[in-house]
Amino acid sequence: MQNLLVVVWIETNEEGMKFWNVGQVLSEIEYQDISNIRLAQSEQDDFLQWHGTKNGEFSVRSAYHFEMQRSKSFVGSSHGDVNAQIWKKIWEAKVPPKVKSVL
C-alpha cells in the first residue's frame, strides 16, 4: 500500500453518502473488517477528547483526579490497599536488611 491516509480510501456516492473504497487492495477479511467501521456523514473535523472531564478538555488537575479514581478501583473492598499489604509483608519478612534493600 502506497498511501496510508484514510481520506484516500473514502468515496462519496451519487446520493452524497460516504463509503469505504478499499476492496481492490485488501484481502476479503480486511475488507469486511474495515467496511464494518461506520463513517460519519457530516463534514466535521476530527478532534481530541479527554474522557476525564465532562467538557472533554485535558488538564493536569483532571488527570490527577482520573488517576486517583482509577487507582481506587484496585483497592480491596474489605482488606484495604492490596499494594500496601504486599509491601508490608515484604518489609516484615525475616531476611537480612541487605536483601530487603534490593527489593
Protein backbone atom coordinates (compact mmCIF):
# COMPACT_ATOMS: atom_id res chain seq x y z
CA MET A 1 0.00 0.00 0.00
CA GLN A 2 1.50 3.29 -1.02
CA ASN A 3 -0.79 5.89 0.52
CA LEU A 4 -1.78 5.36 4.15
CA LEU A 5 -4.07 8.37 4.57
CA VAL A 6 -7.59 7.29 5.49
CA VAL A 7 -9.21 10.01 3.42
CA VAL A 8 -7.84 8.40 0.23
CA TRP A 9 -9.94 5.28 0.90
CA ILE A 10 -13.26 7.11 1.44
CA GLU A 11 -15.50 7.84 -1.53
CA THR A 12 -18.88 9.53 -1.90
CA ASN A 13 -21.72 8.08 -3.99
CA GLU A 14 -24.32 9.96 -6.10
CA GLU A 15 -26.57 10.48 -3.06
CA GLY A 16 -23.70 12.05 -1.11
CA MET A 17 -23.24 9.07 1.22
CA LYS A 18 -19.67 8.18 2.17
CA PHE A 19 -18.34 4.63 1.85
CA TRP A 20 -15.05 2.75 2.05
CA ASN A 21 -13.29 2.07 -1.26
CA VAL A 22 -10.69 -0.47 -0.16
CA GLY A 23 -11.80 -3.70 -1.82
CA GLN A 24 -9.25 -3.71 -4.64
CA VAL A 25 -6.18 -3.60 -2.40
CA LEU A 26 -7.13 -5.62 0.69
CA SER A 27 -7.93 -9.22 1.42
CA GLU A 28 -11.59 -10.16 1.85
CA ILE A 29 -11.22 -10.38 5.65
CA GLU A 30 -9.55 -6.95 5.87
CA TYR A 31 -12.19 -5.51 3.55
CA GLN A 32 -15.01 -6.87 5.73
CA ASP A 33 -13.39 -5.54 8.92
CA ILE A 34 -12.89 -2.06 7.50
CA SER A 35 -16.31 -1.98 5.84
CA ASN A 36 -17.89 -2.55 9.26
CA ILE A 37 -16.44 0.76 10.50
CA ARG A 38 -19.18 3.35 10.26
CA LEU A 39 -18.26 6.61 8.55
CA ALA A 40 -19.53 9.96 9.77
CA GLN A 41 -21.74 11.53 7.13
CA SER A 42 -21.11 15.11 8.30
CA GLU A 43 -18.14 17.28 7.43
CA GLN A 44 -16.86 17.82 10.97
CA ASP A 45 -13.15 17.96 11.64
CA ASP A 46 -11.71 15.34 13.97
CA PHE A 47 -10.74 16.49 17.45
CA LEU A 48 -9.11 15.05 20.54
CA GLN A 49 -11.36 14.48 23.52
CA TRP A 50 -10.24 13.72 27.07
CA HIS A 51 -12.67 11.41 28.85
CA GLY A 52 -11.52 12.59 32.28
CA THR A 53 -13.72 15.70 32.16
CA LYS A 54 -17.30 16.49 31.16
CA ASN A 55 -16.24 19.08 28.61
CA GLY A 56 -13.55 16.86 27.04
CA GLU A 57 -10.66 19.24 27.76
CA PHE A 58 -7.48 17.92 29.37
CA SER A 59 -5.91 19.48 32.46
CA VAL A 60 -3.30 18.25 34.91
CA ARG A 61 -5.94 18.50 37.63
CA SER A 62 -8.33 16.27 35.69
CA ALA A 63 -5.54 13.76 35.03
CA TYR A 64 -4.75 13.67 38.75
CA HIS A 65 -8.40 13.05 39.66
CA PHE A 66 -8.73 10.48 36.89
CA GLU A 67 -5.69 8.57 38.22
CA MET A 68 -6.97 8.76 41.81
CA GLN A 69 -10.29 7.26 40.72
CA ARG A 70 -8.53 4.60 38.66
CA SER A 71 -6.21 3.62 41.50
CA LYS A 72 -9.15 3.33 43.92
CA SER A 73 -10.53 0.55 41.75
CA PHE A 74 -7.52 -1.58 42.78
CA VAL A 75 -8.25 -1.24 46.50
CA GLY A 76 -9.76 -4.34 48.09
CA SER A 77 -13.22 -3.69 49.47
CA SER A 78 -12.65 -5.09 52.97
CA HIS A 79 -8.89 -5.67 53.03
CA GLY A 80 -7.50 -2.21 52.28
CA ASP A 81 -4.95 -1.39 49.63
CA VAL A 82 -3.57 -4.59 48.09
CA ASN A 83 -0.22 -2.99 47.24
CA ALA A 84 0.19 -1.71 50.81
CA GLN A 85 -0.43 -5.21 52.13
CA ILE A 86 2.17 -6.68 49.78
CA TRP A 87 4.80 -4.10 50.76
CA LYS A 88 4.02 -4.62 54.43
CA LYS A 89 4.65 -8.37 54.04
CA ILE A 90 7.90 -7.71 52.16
CA TRP A 91 9.25 -5.39 54.88
CA GLU A 92 8.14 -7.77 57.65
CA ALA A 93 9.93 -10.70 56.00
CA LYS A 94 12.67 -12.22 58.13
CA VAL A 95 15.58 -11.65 55.76
CA PRO A 96 18.86 -9.72 56.14
CA PRO A 97 18.49 -5.94 55.65
CA LYS A 98 20.72 -6.03 52.58
CA VAL A 99 18.18 -8.37 50.88
CA LYS A 100 15.29 -6.02 51.69
CA SER A 101 17.15 -3.09 50.16
CA VAL A 102 17.34 -4.97 46.85
CA LEU A 103 13.56 -5.35 46.79
